[in-house]
Protein backbone atom coordinates (compact mmCIF):
# COMPACT_ATOMS: atom_id res chain seq x y z
CA MET A 1 72.08 156.86 303.67
CA LYS A 2 69.53 159.27 304.04
CA ILE A 3 71.69 161.71 303.04
CA CYS A 4 71.77 160.06 299.76
CA VAL A 5 68.08 159.77 299.36
CA PHE A 6 67.62 163.52 300.32
CA LEU A 7 70.24 164.61 297.23
CA LEU A 8 68.75 162.06 294.89
CA LEU A 9 65.54 164.19 295.98
CA VAL A 10 66.31 167.71 295.77
CA THR A 11 68.17 166.86 292.60
CA LEU A 12 64.96 165.52 291.29
CA CYS A 13 62.97 168.28 292.20
CA ALA A 14 64.67 171.14 290.82
CA ALA A 15 65.06 169.28 286.97
CA TYR A 16 61.53 168.81 287.07
CA ALA A 17 61.44 172.12 288.43
CA SER A 18 63.49 173.54 285.01
CA SER A 19 61.62 171.48 282.50
CA GLY A 20 58.66 172.12 280.30
CA TYR A 21 58.03 174.48 277.71
CA CYS A 22 58.21 178.24 277.70
CA PRO A 23 55.02 179.93 277.59
CA GLN A 24 52.97 181.76 274.52
CA GLY A 25 55.29 185.91 274.54
CA GLU A 26 53.95 189.14 274.58
CA ASN A 27 53.46 189.92 271.86
CA ILE A 28 54.92 193.90 272.00
CA GLN A 29 56.67 195.90 269.26
CA CYS A 30 60.16 197.34 271.40
CA PHE A 31 63.42 199.45 270.39
CA ARG A 32 66.00 197.94 272.16
CA ALA A 33 66.22 194.36 273.36
CA GLN A 34 67.16 193.67 276.79
CA ASN A 35 68.22 190.09 277.85
CA LYS A 36 67.15 188.98 281.56
CA CYS A 37 68.95 185.37 281.17
CA CYS A 38 71.55 183.46 278.82
CA GLY A 39 69.96 179.85 279.92
CA ASP A 40 68.38 178.18 282.77
CA GLY A 41 70.89 178.51 285.22
CA ASP A 42 70.67 182.63 284.93
CA CYS A 43 67.33 182.32 286.23
CA SER A 44 65.39 181.62 289.97
CA ALA A 45 64.40 178.31 290.76
CA GLY A 46 61.40 176.37 288.91
CA GLN A 47 61.58 178.99 286.03
CA ILE A 48 63.68 179.26 283.03
CA CYS A 49 65.15 181.44 280.27
CA CYS A 50 62.78 182.22 276.90
CA SER A 51 63.22 184.18 274.11
CA GLU A 52 60.29 187.06 273.56
CA ASN A 53 60.34 189.60 271.14
CA CYS A 54 62.40 192.24 273.12
CA GLY A 55 65.13 188.97 274.28
CA THR A 56 65.49 186.70 276.45
CA LYS A 57 63.00 186.33 279.69
CA CYS A 58 62.96 183.78 283.20
CA ARG A 59 59.52 182.36 283.04
CA THR A 60 57.76 180.10 284.89
CA PRO A 61 57.48 176.85 282.28
CA ILE A 62 54.23 175.28 281.43
CA HIS A 63 54.21 171.26 280.89
CA LYS A 64 51.19 171.19 277.55
CA GLY A 65 51.96 171.97 274.30
CA LYS A 66 55.49 173.83 272.82
CA ALA A 67 53.60 177.90 272.98
CA GLY A 68 56.47 180.31 273.14
CA ILE A 69 60.71 179.80 272.59
CA LYS A 70 63.18 178.44 275.21
CA TYR A 71 66.68 180.06 274.72
CA ASP A 72 70.07 178.41 276.40
CA SER A 73 73.34 180.05 274.91
CA LYS A 74 75.67 178.10 273.31
CA PRO A 75 79.73 178.24 273.79
CA GLY A 76 80.80 181.01 271.86
CA ASP A 77 77.77 182.70 272.28
CA GLN A 78 78.19 186.41 272.79
CA CYS A 79 75.07 186.52 275.24
CA LYS A 80 75.27 189.47 278.27
CA ILE A 81 72.43 189.91 280.87
CA ASP A 82 71.33 193.62 280.82
CA LYS A 83 71.44 194.89 284.47
CA PHE A 84 68.32 197.64 284.19
């Protein structure tokens, strides 16, 4: 029983940590877009995948208002993570 309660708490915490909104992205120009994530599963715990001017990036979510754009690739998308 204690294990079930513990697992439920961990699941709820993980869901809460990855919820929220993307912060406002940097207003910069780039020559080549680089994707650092294709979905929240590619990010560290507590971060979400956000679309920015120069590709995608894992960011710590904000919990008020929608400032940036959250990114989650769909089946069939051609999202590839750049290693650099």
